[in-house]
Amino acid sequence: MPLEAGLLQILACPACHSPLQDKSADETAPELICTGQDCGLAYPVRDGIPVLLVDEARRPA
């Protein structure tokens, strides 16, 4: 289930406050990626709800 465009426009990374980008190409693990150059955290989306907790985020490779 993709996120609404309006919601995606107002969401920001809780760690660095950069905009988030929807990377839901893999429907088994949809996530929002931070666009900050130094951050890049990937936040999971569970049941259509973004989990914007730094402790739950995946670190960039």
Protein backbone atom coordinates (compact mmCIF):
# COMPACT_ATOMS: atom_id res chain seq x y z
CA MET A 1 0.00 0.00 0.00
CA PRO A 2 1.76 3.20 -1.15
CA LEU A 3 1.78 6.28 1.05
CA GLU A 4 -0.24 9.31 0.06
CA ALA A 5 1.77 12.02 -1.71
CA GLY A 6 0.60 14.67 0.75
CA LEU A 7 1.79 12.62 3.71
CA LEU A 8 5.17 11.99 2.13
CA GLN A 9 5.66 15.73 1.59
CA ILE A 10 5.34 16.53 5.30
CA LEU A 11 7.33 13.60 6.72
CA ALA A 12 10.95 14.20 7.69
CA CYS A 13 13.75 12.09 9.11
CA PRO A 14 13.63 12.28 12.92
CA ALA A 15 17.44 12.10 13.10
CA CYS A 16 18.48 14.87 10.67
CA HIS A 17 15.14 16.44 9.55
CA SER A 18 15.80 15.81 5.83
CA PRO A 19 12.94 14.81 3.50
CA LEU A 20 12.10 11.12 3.11
CA GLN A 21 11.81 9.22 -0.17
CA ASP A 22 9.46 6.27 -0.69
CA LYS A 23 11.33 3.11 -1.71
CA SER A 24 8.48 0.61 -1.87
CA ALA A 25 9.72 -1.29 -4.92
CA ASP A 26 10.00 -4.43 -2.80
CA GLU A 27 6.47 -4.82 -1.43
CA THR A 28 7.65 -7.34 1.19
CA ALA A 29 9.76 -4.65 2.90
CA PRO A 30 8.55 -1.14 2.00
CA GLU A 31 10.58 1.64 3.57
CA LEU A 32 11.22 5.36 3.59
CA ILE A 33 14.80 6.45 2.90
CA CYS A 34 16.29 9.63 4.33
CA THR A 35 17.64 11.91 1.58
CA GLY A 36 20.24 13.52 3.86
CA GLN A 37 23.78 12.96 2.57
CA ASP A 38 25.23 12.11 5.98
CA CYS A 39 22.24 10.16 7.29
CA GLY A 40 20.56 7.80 4.81
CA LEU A 41 18.56 5.86 7.41
CA ALA A 42 15.83 3.55 6.08
CA TYR A 43 12.59 3.55 8.10
CA PRO A 44 10.22 0.58 7.74
CA VAL A 45 6.59 0.92 6.70
CA ARG A 46 4.38 -1.63 8.47
CA ASP A 47 0.76 -2.10 7.42
CA GLY A 48 0.90 1.24 5.58
CA ILE A 49 2.17 3.12 8.64
CA PRO A 50 5.70 4.60 8.65
CA VAL A 51 7.68 3.67 11.76
CA LEU A 52 9.79 6.79 12.25
CA LEU A 53 11.86 5.59 15.19
CA VAL A 54 15.64 5.87 14.89
CA ASP A 55 16.01 2.62 16.86
CA GLU A 56 13.87 0.80 14.25
CA ALA A 57 15.70 2.28 11.23
CA ARG A 58 18.12 0.32 9.09
CA ARG A 59 21.59 1.87 8.77
CA PRO A 60 22.94 2.50 5.25
CA ALA A 61 25.28 -0.16 3.89
